[in-house]
């Protein structure tokens, strides 16, 4: 939980990994951070990634439901490459949390909607 909070506070929008433990993946989603997973046969090493690159993600804009994969563009020293990564949001509840920016925002919006209907 704290690792995901730190990630969010640092401004990280997505985490790309070879695999996730369920709880870590769930904690990222709960903080509004997108968990992405390399496709089978791909890895940081096989793609030559060092973490010093600039990453951009496309394929999420205006999609509902969330896509199963997105395109990741990686640029370093003026050169770029693209690959697809799996979106690891596995349940409708996780999708709702992510769409709201995290579980706290989701719950607060639910409380506000409930309060509005009582007036």
PDB file of N, CA and C in Angstrom:
ATOM      1  N   UNK A   1       0.827  -1.194   0.000  1.00  0.00           N
ATOM      2  CA  UNK A   1       0.000   0.000   0.000  1.00  0.00           C
ATOM      3  C   UNK A   1       0.868   1.253   0.000  1.00  0.00           C
ATOM      4  N   UNK A   2       1.874   1.309   0.877  1.00  0.00           N
ATOM      5  CA  UNK A   2       2.731   2.484   0.930  1.00  0.00           C
ATOM      6  C   UNK A   2       3.552   2.650  -0.336  1.00  0.00           C
ATOM      7  N   UNK A   3       3.975   1.560  -0.935  1.00  0.00           N
ATOM      8  CA  UNK A   3       4.749   1.653  -2.169  1.00  0.00           C
ATOM      9  C   UNK A   3       3.920   2.291  -3.274  1.00  0.00           C
ATOM     10  N   UNK A   4       2.647   1.941  -3.355  1.00  0.00           N
ATOM     11  CA  UNK A   4       1.778   2.533  -4.369  1.00  0.00           C
ATOM     12  C   UNK A   4       1.527   4.008  -4.076  1.00  0.00           C
ATOM     13  N   UNK A   5       1.402   4.382  -2.808  1.00  0.00           N
ATOM     14  CA  UNK A   5       1.212   5.793  -2.456  1.00  0.00           C
ATOM     15  C   UNK A   5       2.435   6.601  -2.858  1.00  0.00           C
ATOM     16  N   UNK A   6       3.609   6.087  -2.565  1.00  0.00           N
ATOM     17  CA  UNK A   6       4.838   6.774  -2.950  1.00  0.00           C
ATOM     18  C   UNK A   6       4.945   6.923  -4.452  1.00  0.00           C
ATOM     19  N   UNK A   7       4.576   5.885  -5.168  1.00  0.00           N
ATOM     20  CA  UNK A   7       4.607   5.913  -6.626  1.00  0.00           C
ATOM     21  C   UNK A   7       3.712   7.033  -7.140  1.00  0.00           C
ATOM     22  N   UNK A   8       2.500   7.109  -6.634  1.00  0.00           N
ATOM     23  CA  UNK A   8       1.542   8.140  -7.053  1.00  0.00           C
ATOM     24  C   UNK A   8       2.049   9.534  -6.698  1.00  0.00           C
ATOM     25  N   UNK A   9       2.578   9.690  -5.494  1.00  0.00           N
ATOM     26  CA  UNK A   9       3.081  11.000  -5.057  1.00  0.00           C
ATOM     27  C   UNK A   9       4.263  11.472  -5.896  1.00  0.00           C
ATOM     28  N   UNK A  10       5.001  10.544  -6.468  1.00  0.00           N
ATOM     29  CA  UNK A  10       6.114  10.898  -7.347  1.00  0.00           C
ATOM     30  C   UNK A  10       5.635  11.266  -8.753  1.00  0.00           C
ATOM     31  N   UNK A  11       4.346  11.131  -9.001  1.00  0.00           N
ATOM     32  CA  UNK A  11       3.800  11.510 -10.303  1.00  0.00           C
ATOM     33  C   UNK A  11       3.799  10.401 -11.335  1.00  0.00           C
ATOM     34  N   UNK A  12       4.030   9.183 -10.902  1.00  0.00           N
ATOM     35  CA  UNK A  12       4.040   8.046 -11.820  1.00  0.00           C
ATOM     36  C   UNK A  12       2.604   7.706 -12.203  1.00  0.00           C
ATOM     37  N   UNK A  13       2.333   7.629 -13.505  1.00  0.00           N
ATOM     38  CA  UNK A  13       0.981   7.342 -13.993  1.00  0.00           C
ATOM     39  C   UNK A  13       0.781   5.867 -14.303  1.00  0.00           C
ATOM     40  N   UNK A  14       1.873   5.153 -14.599  1.00  0.00           N
ATOM     41  CA  UNK A  14       1.772   3.738 -14.963  1.00  0.00           C
ATOM     42  C   UNK A  14       3.031   3.013 -14.520  1.00  0.00           C
ATOM     43  N   UNK A  15       2.864   1.711 -14.255  1.00  0.00           N
ATOM     44  CA  UNK A  15       3.993   0.852 -13.915  1.00  0.00           C
ATOM     45  C   UNK A  15       3.990  -0.299 -14.907  1.00  0.00           C
ATOM     46  N   UNK A  16       5.125  -0.527 -15.541  1.00  0.00           N
ATOM     47  CA  UNK A  16       5.287  -1.593 -16.526  1.00  0.00           C
ATOM     48  C   UNK A  16       6.183  -2.660 -15.921  1.00  0.00           C
ATOM     49  N   UNK A  17       5.666  -3.899 -15.823  1.00  0.00           N
ATOM     50  CA  UNK A  17       6.414  -4.966 -15.162  1.00  0.00           C
ATOM     51  C   UNK A  17       6.251  -6.282 -15.918  1.00  0.00           C
ATOM     52  N   UNK A  18       7.128  -7.215 -15.613  1.00  0.00           N
ATOM     53  CA  UNK A  18       7.026  -8.548 -16.212  1.00  0.00           C
ATOM     54  C   UNK A  18       5.921  -9.355 -15.557  1.00  0.00           C
ATOM     55  N   UNK A  19       5.656  -9.097 -14.273  1.00  0.00           N
ATOM     56  CA  UNK A  19       4.559  -9.751 -13.563  1.00  0.00           C
ATOM     57  C   UNK A  19       4.231  -8.924 -12.328  1.00  0.00           C
ATOM     58  N   UNK A  20       3.063  -9.187 -11.770  1.00  0.00           N
ATOM     59  CA  UNK A  20       2.620  -8.498 -10.561  1.00  0.00           C
ATOM     60  C   UNK A  20       2.110  -9.513  -9.553  1.00  0.00           C
ATOM     61  N   UNK A  21       2.412  -9.289  -8.294  1.00  0.00           N
ATOM     62  CA  UNK A  21       1.685  -9.994  -7.247  1.00  0.00           C
ATOM     63  C   UNK A  21       0.326  -9.318  -7.167  1.00  0.00           C
ATOM     64  N   UNK A  22      -0.700 -10.092  -6.883  1.00  0.00           N
ATOM     65  CA  UNK A  22      -2.058  -9.560  -6.892  1.00  0.00           C
ATOM     66  C   UNK A  22      -2.207  -8.327  -6.018  1.00  0.00           C
ATOM     67  N   UNK A  23      -1.670  -8.365  -4.819  1.00  0.00           N
ATOM     68  CA  UNK A  23      -1.858  -7.257  -3.893  1.00  0.00           C
ATOM     69  C   UNK A  23      -1.158  -5.992  -4.376  1.00  0.00           C
ATOM     70  N   UNK A  24       0.012  -6.117  -4.976  1.00  0.00           N
ATOM     71  CA  UNK A  24       0.726  -4.941  -5.474  1.00  0.00           C
ATOM     72  C   UNK A  24      -0.010  -4.327  -6.658  1.00  0.00           C
ATOM     73  N   UNK A  25      -0.516  -5.174  -7.544  1.00  0.00           N
ATOM     74  CA  UNK A  25      -1.284  -4.696  -8.691  1.00  0.00           C
ATOM     75  C   UNK A  25      -2.537  -3.984  -8.207  1.00  0.00           C
ATOM     76  N   UNK A  26      -3.224  -4.581  -7.251  1.00  0.00           N
ATOM     77  CA  UNK A  26      -4.438  -4.004  -6.692  1.00  0.00           C
ATOM     78  C   UNK A  26      -4.158  -2.670  -5.999  1.00  0.00           C
ATOM     79  N   UNK A  27      -3.051  -2.572  -5.272  1.00  0.00           N
ATOM     80  CA  UNK A  27      -2.689  -1.325  -4.599  1.00  0.00           C
ATOM     81  C   UNK A  27      -2.394  -0.212  -5.596  1.00  0.00           C
ATOM     82  N   UNK A  28      -1.741  -0.536  -6.703  1.00  0.00           N
ATOM     83  CA  UNK A  28      -1.494   0.474  -7.730  1.00  0.00           C
ATOM     84  C   UNK A  28      -2.808   1.016  -8.270  1.00  0.00           C
ATOM     85  N   UNK A  29      -3.726   0.125  -8.598  1.00  0.00           N
ATOM     86  CA  UNK A  29      -5.032   0.539  -9.114  1.00  0.00           C
ATOM     87  C   UNK A  29      -5.755   1.394  -8.082  1.00  0.00           C
ATOM     88  N   UNK A  30      -5.674   0.992  -6.825  1.00  0.00           N
ATOM     89  CA  UNK A  30      -6.312   1.746  -5.750  1.00  0.00           C
ATOM     90  C   UNK A  30      -5.790   3.164  -5.626  1.00  0.00           C
ATOM     91  N   UNK A  31      -4.580   3.413  -6.099  1.00  0.00           N
ATOM     92  CA  UNK A  31      -4.010   4.757  -6.089  1.00  0.00           C
ATOM     93  C   UNK A  31      -4.151   5.450  -7.439  1.00  0.00           C
ATOM     94  N   UNK A  32      -4.798   4.781  -8.409  1.00  0.00           N
ATOM     95  CA  UNK A  32      -5.000   5.394  -9.718  1.00  0.00           C
ATOM     96  C   UNK A  32      -3.813   5.257 -10.656  1.00  0.00           C
ATOM     97  N   UNK A  33      -2.919   4.316 -10.371  1.00  0.00           N
ATOM     98  CA  UNK A  33      -1.748   4.067 -11.209  1.00  0.00           C
ATOM     99  C   UNK A  33      -2.050   2.856 -12.095  1.00  0.00           C
ATOM    100  N   UNK A  34      -1.796   2.987 -13.381  1.00  0.00           N
ATOM    101  CA  UNK A  34      -2.106   1.943 -14.353  1.00  0.00           C
ATOM    102  C   UNK A  34      -1.051   0.833 -14.341  1.00  0.00           C
ATOM    103  N   UNK A  35      -1.440  -0.411 -14.017  1.00  0.00           N
ATOM    104  CA  UNK A  35      -0.486  -1.517 -14.087  1.00  0.00           C
ATOM    105  C   UNK A  35      -0.452  -2.108 -15.505  1.00  0.00           C
ATOM    106  N   UNK A  36       0.716  -2.108 -16.098  1.00  0.00           N
ATOM    107  CA  UNK A  36       0.906  -2.675 -17.433  1.00  0.00           C
ATOM    108  C   UNK A  36       1.892  -3.831 -17.334  1.00  0.00           C
ATOM    109  N   UNK A  37       1.652  -4.855 -18.150  1.00  0.00           N
ATOM    110  CA  UNK A  37       2.514  -6.033 -18.120  1.00  0.00           C
ATOM    111  C   UNK A  37       3.037  -6.327 -19.513  1.00  0.00           C
ATOM    112  N   UNK A  38       4.331  -6.654 -19.575  1.00  0.00           N
ATOM    113  CA  UNK A  38       4.917  -7.054 -20.845  1.00  0.00           C
ATOM    114  C   UNK A  38       4.163  -8.255 -21.399  1.00  0.00           C
ATOM    115  N   UNK A  39       4.103  -8.357 -22.710  1.00  0.00           N
ATOM    116  CA  UNK A  39       3.505  -9.516 -23.360  1.00  0.00           C
ATOM    117  C   UNK A  39       4.444 -10.716 -23.213  1.00  0.00           C
ATOM    118  N   UNK A  40       3.915 -11.944 -23.323  1.00  0.00           N
ATOM    119  CA  UNK A  40       4.789 -13.129 -23.237  1.00  0.00           C
ATOM    120  C   UNK A  40       5.946 -13.032 -24.232  1.00  0.00           C
ATOM    121  N   UNK A  41       7.119 -13.362 -23.753  1.00  0.00           N
ATOM    122  CA  UNK A  41       8.317 -13.312 -24.596  1.00  0.00           C
ATOM    123  C   UNK A  41       9.005 -11.957 -24.579  1.00  0.00           C
ATOM    124  N   UNK A  42       8.362 -10.962 -23.996  1.00  0.00           N
ATOM    125  CA  UNK A  42       8.974  -9.641 -23.889  1.00  0.00           C
ATOM    126  C   UNK A  42       9.396  -9.401 -22.445  1.00  0.00           C
ATOM    127  N   UNK A  43      10.398  -8.584 -22.303  1.00  0.00           N
ATOM    128  CA  UNK A  43      10.859  -8.190 -20.977  1.00  0.00           C
ATOM    129  C   UNK A  43      11.634  -6.892 -21.119  1.00  0.00           C
ATOM    130  N   UNK A  44      11.987  -6.338 -20.007  1.00  0.00           N
ATOM    131  CA  UNK A  44      12.815  -5.145 -20.014  1.00  0.00           C
ATOM    132  C   UNK A  44      14.122  -5.429 -20.761  1.00  0.00           C
ATOM    133  N   UNK A  45      14.702  -6.572 -20.468  1.00  0.00           N
ATOM    134  CA  UNK A  45      15.978  -6.935 -21.084  1.00  0.00           C
ATOM    135  C   UNK A  45      15.827  -7.183 -22.585  1.00  0.00           C
ATOM    136  N   UNK A  46      14.791  -7.908 -22.991  1.00  0.00           N
ATOM    137  CA  UNK A  46      14.642  -8.230 -24.414  1.00  0.00           C
ATOM    138  C   UNK A  46      14.361  -6.992 -25.258  1.00  0.00           C
ATOM    139  N   UNK A  47      13.771  -5.969 -24.648  1.00  0.00           N
ATOM    140  CA  UNK A  47      13.498  -4.720 -25.364  1.00  0.00           C
ATOM    141  C   UNK A  47      14.608  -3.686 -25.179  1.00  0.00           C
ATOM    142  N   UNK A  48      15.621  -4.033 -24.381  1.00  0.00           N
ATOM    143  CA  UNK A  48      16.751  -3.135 -24.164  1.00  0.00           C
ATOM    144  C   UNK A  48      16.404  -1.900 -23.346  1.00  0.00           C
ATOM    145  N   UNK A  49      15.450  -2.019 -22.448  1.00  0.00           N
ATOM    146  CA  UNK A  49      15.019  -0.878 -21.641  1.00  0.00           C
ATOM    147  C   UNK A  49      15.873  -0.764 -20.377  1.00  0.00           C
ATOM    148  N   UNK A  50      16.230   0.469 -20.054  1.00  0.00           N
ATOM    149  CA  UNK A  50      17.054   0.704 -18.869  1.00  0.00           C
ATOM    150  C   UNK A  50      16.330   1.504 -17.796  1.00  0.00           C
ATOM    151  N   UNK A  51      15.212   2.123 -18.133  1.00  0.00           N
ATOM    152  CA  UNK A  51      14.504   2.993 -17.202  1.00  0.00           C
ATOM    153  C   UNK A  51      14.872   4.448 -17.386  1.00  0.00           C
ATOM    154  N   UNK A  52      15.830   4.717 -18.250  1.00  0.00           N
ATOM    155  CA  UNK A  52      16.241   6.097 -18.522  1.00  0.00           C
ATOM    156  C   UNK A  52      15.480   6.694 -19.704  1.00  0.00           C
ATOM    157  N   UNK A  53      14.592   5.914 -20.296  1.00  0.00           N
ATOM    158  CA  UNK A  53      13.837   6.353 -21.458  1.00  0.00           C
ATOM    159  C   UNK A  53      12.644   7.212 -21.047  1.00  0.00           C
ATOM    160  N   UNK A  54      12.039   7.838 -22.032  1.00  0.00           N
ATOM    161  CA  UNK A  54      10.785   8.569 -21.847  1.00  0.00           C
ATOM    162  C   UNK A  54       9.687   7.699 -22.422  1.00  0.00           C
ATOM    163  N   UNK A  55       8.653   7.444 -21.617  1.00  0.00           N
ATOM    164  CA  UNK A  55       7.575   6.542 -22.002  1.00  0.00           C
ATOM    165  C   UNK A  55       6.289   7.325 -22.233  1.00  0.00           C
ATOM    166  N   UNK A  56       5.548   6.947 -23.262  1.00  0.00           N
ATOM    167  CA  UNK A  56       4.199   7.483 -23.451  1.00  0.00           C
ATOM    168  C   UNK A  56       3.284   6.311 -23.791  1.00  0.00           C
ATOM    169  N   UNK A  57       2.049   6.430 -23.335  1.00  0.00           N
ATOM    170  CA  UNK A  57       1.079   5.339 -23.489  1.00  0.00           C
ATOM    171  C   UNK A  57      -0.113   5.862 -24.268  1.00  0.00           C
ATOM    172  N   UNK A  58      -0.501   5.141 -25.303  1.00  0.00           N
ATOM    173  CA  UNK A  58      -1.684   5.508 -26.070  1.00  0.00           C
ATOM    174  C   UNK A  58      -2.633   4.318 -26.122  1.00  0.00           C
ATOM    175  N   UNK A  59      -3.910   4.631 -26.306  1.00  0.00           N
ATOM    176  CA  UNK A  59      -4.908   3.579 -26.427  1.00  0.00           C
ATOM    177  C   UNK A  59      -5.924   3.591 -25.303  1.00  0.00           C
ATOM    178  N   UNK A  60      -5.778   4.502 -24.345  1.00  0.00           N
ATOM    179  CA  UNK A  60      -6.725   4.594 -23.228  1.00  0.00           C
ATOM    180  C   UNK A  60      -7.779   5.678 -23.453  1.00  0.00           C
ATOM    181  N   UNK A  61      -7.438   6.662 -24.267  1.00  0.00           N
ATOM    182  CA  UNK A  61      -8.279   7.833 -24.429  1.00  0.00           C
ATOM    183  C   UNK A  61      -9.662   7.464 -24.959  1.00  0.00           C
ATOM    184  N   UNK A  62     -10.683   7.872 -24.228  1.00  0.00           N
ATOM    185  CA  UNK A  62     -12.056   7.711 -24.684  1.00  0.00           C
ATOM    186  C   UNK A  62     -12.537   6.283 -24.814  1.00  0.00           C
ATOM    187  N   UNK A  63     -11.881   5.354 -24.183  1.00  0.00           N
ATOM    188  CA  UNK A  63     -12.295   3.961 -24.283  1.00  0.00           C
ATOM    189  C   UNK A  63     -13.075   3.547 -23.047  1.00  0.00           C
ATOM    190  N   UNK A  64     -14.171   2.916 -23.273  1.00  0.00           N
ATOM    191  CA  UNK A  64     -14.967   2.367 -22.182  1.00  0.00           C
ATOM    192  C   UNK A  64     -15.694   1.159 -22.728  1.00  0.00           C
ATOM    193  N   UNK A  65     -15.405  -0.030 -22.295  1.00  0.00           N
ATOM    194  CA  UNK A  65     -14.534  -0.371 -21.171  1.00  0.00           C
ATOM    195  C   UNK A  65     -13.057  -0.168 -21.504  1.00  0.00           C
ATOM    196  N   UNK A  66     -12.223  -0.308 -20.487  1.00  0.00           N
ATOM    197  CA  UNK A  66     -10.784  -0.172 -20.684  1.00  0.00           C
ATOM    198  C   UNK A  66     -10.298  -1.233 -21.659  1.00  0.00           C
ATOM    199  N   UNK A  67      -9.315  -0.893 -22.487  1.00  0.00           N
ATOM    200  CA  UNK A  67      -8.784  -1.876 -23.435  1.00  0.00           C
ATOM    201  C   UNK A  67      -7.974  -2.952 -22.718  1.00  0.00           C
ATOM    202  N   UNK A  68      -7.764  -4.060 -23.393  1.00  0.00           N
ATOM    203  CA  UNK A  68      -6.948  -5.142 -22.830  1.00  0.00           C
ATOM    204  C   UNK A  68      -5.458  -4.889 -23.045  1.00  0.00           C
ATOM    205  N   UNK A  69      -5.145  -4.017 -24.019  1.00  0.00           N
ATOM    206  CA  UNK A  69      -3.750  -3.676 -24.246  1.00  0.00           C
ATOM    207  C   UNK A  69      -3.636  -2.238 -24.732  1.00  0.00           C
ATOM    208  N   UNK A  70      -2.460  -1.680 -24.553  1.00  0.00           N
ATOM    209  CA  UNK A  70      -2.160  -0.323 -24.983  1.00  0.00           C
ATOM    210  C   UNK A  70      -0.837  -0.332 -25.732  1.00  0.00           C
ATOM    211  N   UNK A  71      -0.571   0.755 -26.412  1.00  0.00           N
ATOM    212  CA  UNK A  71       0.707   0.918 -27.096  1.00  0.00           C
ATOM    213  C   UNK A  71       1.627   1.757 -26.219  1.00  0.00           C
ATOM    214  N   UNK A  72       2.825   1.278 -26.017  1.00  0.00           N
ATOM    215  CA  UNK A  72       3.831   1.993 -25.233  1.00  0.00           C
ATOM    216  C   UNK A  72       4.908   2.460 -26.208  1.00  0.00           C
ATOM    217  N   UNK A  73       5.132   3.764 -26.223  1.00  0.00           N
ATOM    218  CA  UNK A  73       6.200   4.326 -27.041  1.00  0.00           C
ATOM    219  C   UNK A  73       7.337   4.717 -26.118  1.00  0.00           C
ATOM    220  N   UNK A  74       8.536   4.291 -26.504  1.00  0.00           N
ATOM    221  CA  UNK A  74       9.728   4.534 -25.700  1.00  0.00           C
ATOM    222  C   UNK A  74      10.699   5.354 -26.538  1.00  0.00           C
ATOM    223  N   UNK A  75      11.184   6.461 -25.976  1.00  0.00           N
ATOM    224  CA  UNK A  75      12.141   7.303 -26.689  1.00  0.00           C
ATOM    225  C   UNK A  75      13.362   7.572 -25.832  1.00  0.00           C
ATOM    226  N   UNK A  76      14.514   7.528 -26.490  1.00  0.00           N
ATOM    227  CA  UNK A  76      15.773   7.850 -25.823  1.00  0.00           C
ATOM    228  C   UNK A  76      16.746   8.363 -26.872  1.00  0.00           C
ATOM    229  N   UNK A  77      17.360   9.491 -26.586  1.00  0.00           N
ATOM    230  CA  UNK A  77      18.340  10.093 -27.486  1.00  0.00           C
ATOM    231  C   UNK A  77      17.784  10.287 -28.894  1.00  0.00           C
ATOM    232  N   UNK A  78      16.525  10.700 -28.981  1.00  0.00           N
ATOM    233  CA  UNK A  78      15.924  10.976 -30.277  1.00  0.00           C
ATOM    234  C   UNK A  78      15.459   9.758 -31.054  1.00  0.00           C
ATOM    235  N   UNK A  79      15.688   8.580 -30.533  1.00  0.00           N
ATOM    236  CA  UNK A  79      15.247   7.358 -31.191  1.00  0.00           C
ATOM    237  C   UNK A  79      14.089   6.763 -30.412  1.00  0.00           C
ATOM    238  N   UNK A  80      13.171   6.126 -31.152  1.00  0.00           N
ATOM    239  CA  UNK A  80      12.014   5.566 -30.482  1.00  0.00           C
ATOM    240  C   UNK A  80      11.628   4.204 -31.006  1.00  0.00           C
ATOM    241  N   UNK A  81      10.875   3.512 -30.187  1.00  0.00           N
ATOM    242  CA  UNK A  81      10.318   2.224 -30.553  1.00  0.00           C
ATOM    243  C   UNK A  81       8.965   2.081 -29.877  1.00  0.00           C
ATOM    244  N   UNK A  82       8.152   1.181 -30.378  1.00  0.00           N
ATOM    245  CA  UNK A  82       6.837   0.937 -29.804  1.00  0.00           C
ATOM    246  C   UNK A  82       6.626  -0.552 -29.580  1.00  0.00           C
ATOM    247  N   UNK A  83       5.824  -0.867 -28.582  1.00  0.00           N
ATOM    248  CA  UNK A  83       5.393  -2.234 -28.336  1.00  0.00           C
ATOM    249  C   UNK A  83       4.049  -2.178 -27.629  1.00  0.00           C
ATOM    250  N   UNK A  84       3.362  -3.292 -27.581  1.00  0.00           N
ATOM    251  CA  UNK A  84       2.094  -3.333 -26.858  1.00  0.00           C
ATOM    252  C   UNK A  84       2.311  -3.980 -25.498  1.00  0.00           C
ATOM    253  N   UNK A  85       1.518  -3.541 -24.544  1.00  0.00           N
ATOM    254  CA  UNK A  85       1.568  -4.089 -23.182  1.00  0.00           C
ATOM    255  C   UNK A  85       0.144  -4.389 -22.740  1.00  0.00           C
ATOM    256  N   UNK A  86       0.002  -5.396 -21.916  1.00  0.00           N
ATOM    257  CA  UNK A  86      -1.311  -5.777 -21.397  1.00  0.00           C
ATOM    258  C   UNK A  86      -1.711  -4.857 -20.251  1.00  0.00           C
ATOM    259  N   UNK A  87      -2.958  -4.403 -20.272  1.00  0.00           N
ATOM    260  CA  UNK A  87      -3.520  -3.624 -19.171  1.00  0.00           C
ATOM    261  C   UNK A  87      -3.975  -4.624 -18.116  1.00  0.00           C
ATOM    262  N   UNK A  88      -3.431  -4.542 -16.919  1.00  0.00           N
ATOM    263  CA  UNK A  88      -3.734  -5.502 -15.850  1.00  0.00           C
ATOM    264  C   UNK A  88      -4.774  -4.972 -14.877  1.00  0.00           C
ATOM    265  N   UNK A  89      -5.865  -4.508 -15.445  1.00  0.00           N
ATOM    266  CA  UNK A  89      -7.047  -4.174 -14.655  1.00  0.00           C
ATOM    267  C   UNK A  89      -8.019  -5.294 -14.960  1.00  0.00           C
ATOM    268  N   UNK A  90      -8.236  -6.173 -13.985  1.00  0.00           N
ATOM    269  CA  UNK A  90      -8.867  -7.458 -14.247  1.00  0.00           C
ATOM    270  C   UNK A  90     -10.347  -7.557 -13.894  1.00  0.00           C
ATOM    271  N   UNK A  91     -10.877  -6.598 -13.144  1.00  0.00           N
ATOM    272  CA  UNK A  91     -12.279  -6.697 -12.729  1.00  0.00           C
ATOM    273  C   UNK A  91     -12.997  -5.378 -12.997  1.00  0.00           C
ATOM    274  N   UNK A  92     -14.319  -5.408 -13.094  1.00  0.00           N
ATOM    275  CA  UNK A  92     -15.068  -4.153 -13.259  1.00  0.00           C
ATOM    276  C   UNK A  92     -14.859  -3.180 -12.092  1.00  0.00           C
ATOM    277  N   UNK A  93     -14.739  -3.683 -10.884  1.00  0.00           N
ATOM    278  CA  UNK A  93     -14.499  -2.801  -9.736  1.00  0.00           C
ATOM    279  C   UNK A  93     -13.150  -2.102  -9.875  1.00  0.00           C
ATOM    280  N   UNK A  94     -12.120  -2.832 -10.275  1.00  0.00           N
ATOM    281  CA  UNK A  94     -10.805  -2.218 -10.483  1.00  0.00           C
ATOM    282  C   UNK A  94     -10.878  -1.152 -11.569  1.00  0.00           C
ATOM    283  N   UNK A  95     -11.627  -1.418 -12.625  1.00  0.00           N
ATOM    284  CA  UNK A  95     -11.779  -0.445 -13.713  1.00  0.00           C
ATOM    285  C   UNK A  95     -12.434   0.833 -13.183  1.00  0.00           C
ATOM    286  N   UNK A  96     -13.446   0.676 -12.347  1.00  0.00           N
ATOM    287  CA  UNK A  96     -14.122   1.844 -11.769  1.00  0.00           C
ATOM    288  C   UNK A  96     -13.157   2.641 -10.891  1.00  0.00           C
ATOM    289  N   UNK A  97     -12.378   1.963 -10.059  1.00  0.00           N
ATOM    290  CA  UNK A  97     -11.409   2.654  -9.209  1.00  0.00           C
ATOM    291  C   UNK A  97     -10.410   3.427 -10.066  1.00  0.00           C
ATOM    292  N   UNK A  98      -9.897   2.784 -11.104  1.00  0.00           N
ATOM    293  CA  UNK A  98      -8.912   3.439 -11.957  1.00  0.00           C
ATOM    294  C   UNK A  98      -9.518   4.640 -12.674  1.00  0.00           C
ATOM    295  N   UNK A  99     -10.710   4.478 -13.217  1.00  0.00           N
ATOM    296  CA  UNK A  99     -11.379   5.572 -13.940  1.00  0.00           C
ATOM    297  C   UNK A  99     -11.603   6.796 -13.052  1.00  0.00           C
ATOM    298  N   UNK A 100     -11.784   6.585 -11.766  1.00  0.00           N
ATOM    299  CA  UNK A 100     -12.011   7.685 -10.832  1.00  0.00           C
ATOM    300  C   UNK A 100     -10.713   8.250 -10.279  1.00  0.00           C
ATOM    301  N   UNK A 101      -9.577   7.669 -10.641  1.00  0.00           N
ATOM    302  CA  UNK A 101      -8.292   8.152 -10.141  1.00  0.00           C
ATOM    303  C   UNK A 101      -7.837   7.477  -8.872  1.00  0.00           C
ATOM    304  N   UNK A 102      -8.526   6.424  -8.467  1.00  0.00           N
ATOM    305  CA  UNK A 102      -8.161   5.681  -7.270  1.00  0.00           C
ATOM    306  C   UNK A 102      -9.374   5.401  -6.412  1.00  0.00           C
ATOM    307  N   UNK A 103      -9.190   4.546  -5.432  1.00  0.00           N
ATOM    308  CA  UNK A 103     -10.321   4.108  -4.605  1.00  0.00           C
ATOM    309  C   UNK A 103     -10.849   5.241  -3.722  1.00  0.00           C
ATOM    310  N   UNK A 104      -9.976   6.104  -3.221  1.00  0.00           N
ATOM    311  CA  UNK A 104     -10.435   7.205  -2.379  1.00  0.00           C
ATOM    312  C   UNK A 104     -11.366   8.131  -3.155  1.00  0.00           C
ATOM    313  N   UNK A 105     -10.972   8.516  -4.365  1.00  0.00           N
ATOM    314  CA  UNK A 105     -11.815   9.380  -5.192  1.00  0.00           C
ATOM    315  C   UNK A 105     -13.121   8.686  -5.540  1.00  0.00           C
ATOM    316  N   UNK A 106     -13.056   7.384  -5.795  1.00  0.00           N
ATOM    317  CA  UNK A 106     -14.262   6.621  -6.104  1.00  0.00           C
ATOM    318  C   UNK A 106     -15.240   6.668  -4.931  1.00  0.00           C
ATOM    319  N   UNK A 107     -14.749   6.378  -3.746  1.00  0.00           N
ATOM    320  CA  UNK A 107     -15.604   6.361  -2.557  1.00  0.00           C
ATOM    321  C   UNK A 107     -16.173   7.752  -2.281  1.00  0.00           C
ATOM    322  N   UNK A 108     -15.353   8.785  -2.382  1.00  0.00           N
ATOM    323  CA  UNK A 108     -15.837  10.143  -2.143  1.00  0.00           C
ATOM    324  C   UNK A 108     -16.936  10.527  -3.130  1.00  0.00           C
ATOM    325  N   UNK A 109     -16.762  10.166  -4.394  1.00  0.00           N
ATOM    326  CA  UNK A 109     -17.804  10.465  -5.382  1.00  0.00           C
ATOM    327  C   UNK A 109     -19.087   9.691  -5.077  1.00  0.00           C
ATOM    328  N   UNK A 110     -18.951   8.463  -4.641  1.00  0.00           N
ATOM    329  CA  UNK A 110     -20.129   7.677  -4.270  1.00  0.00           C
ATOM    330  C   UNK A 110     -20.858   8.337  -3.097  1.00  0.00           C
ATOM    331  N   UNK A 111     -20.107   8.818  -2.104  1.00  0.00           N
ATOM    332  CA  UNK A 111     -20.712   9.484  -0.956  1.00  0.00           C
ATOM    333  C   UNK A 111     -21.411  10.773  -1.377  1.00  0.00           C
ATOM    334  N   UNK A 112     -20.782  11.525  -2.266  1.00  0.00           N
ATOM    335  CA  UNK A 112     -21.405  12.758  -2.750  1.00  0.00           C
ATOM    336  C   UNK A 112     -22.688  12.474  -3.520  1.00  0.00           C
ATOM    337  N   UNK A 113     -22.671  11.446  -4.357  1.00  0.00           N
ATOM    338  CA  UNK A 113     -23.874  11.084  -5.106  1.00  0.00           C
ATOM    339  C   UNK A 113     -24.987  10.649  -4.164  1.00  0.00           C
ATOM    340  N   UNK A 114     -24.651   9.883  -3.147  1.00  0.00           N
ATOM    341  CA  UNK A 114     -25.631   9.443  -2.158  1.00  0.00           C
ATOM    342  C   UNK A 114     -26.204  10.641  -1.417  1.00  0.00           C
ATOM    343  N   UNK A 115     -25.335  11.572  -1.043  1.00  0.00           N
ATOM    344  CA  UNK A 115     -25.767  12.770  -0.337  1.00  0.00           C
ATOM    345  C   UNK A 115     -26.680  13.626  -1.212  1.00  0.00           C
ATOM    346  N   UNK A 116     -26.373  13.742  -2.507  1.00  0.00           N
ATOM    347  CA  UNK A 116     -27.202  14.514  -3.425  1.00  0.00           C
ATOM    348  C   UNK A 116     -28.600  13.929  -3.578  1.00  0.00           C
ATOM    349  N   UNK A 117     -28.699  12.608  -3.536  1.00  0.00           N
ATOM    350  CA  UNK A 117     -30.005  11.978  -3.706  1.00  0.00           C
ATOM    351  C   UNK A 117     -30.860  12.110  -2.442  1.00  0.00           C
ATOM    352  N   UNK A 118     -30.251  12.407  -1.316  1.00  0.00           N
ATOM    353  CA  UNK A 118     -30.992  12.562  -0.054  1.00  0.00           C
ATOM    354  C   UNK A 118     -31.600  13.959   0.086  1.00  0.00           C
ATOM    355  N   UNK A 119     -31.148  14.889  -0.710  1.00  0.00           N
ATOM    356  CA  UNK A 119     -31.639  16.275  -0.591  1.00  0.00           C
ATOM    357  C   UNK A 119     -32.929  16.457  -1.308  1.00  0.00           C
TER     358      UNK A 119
END
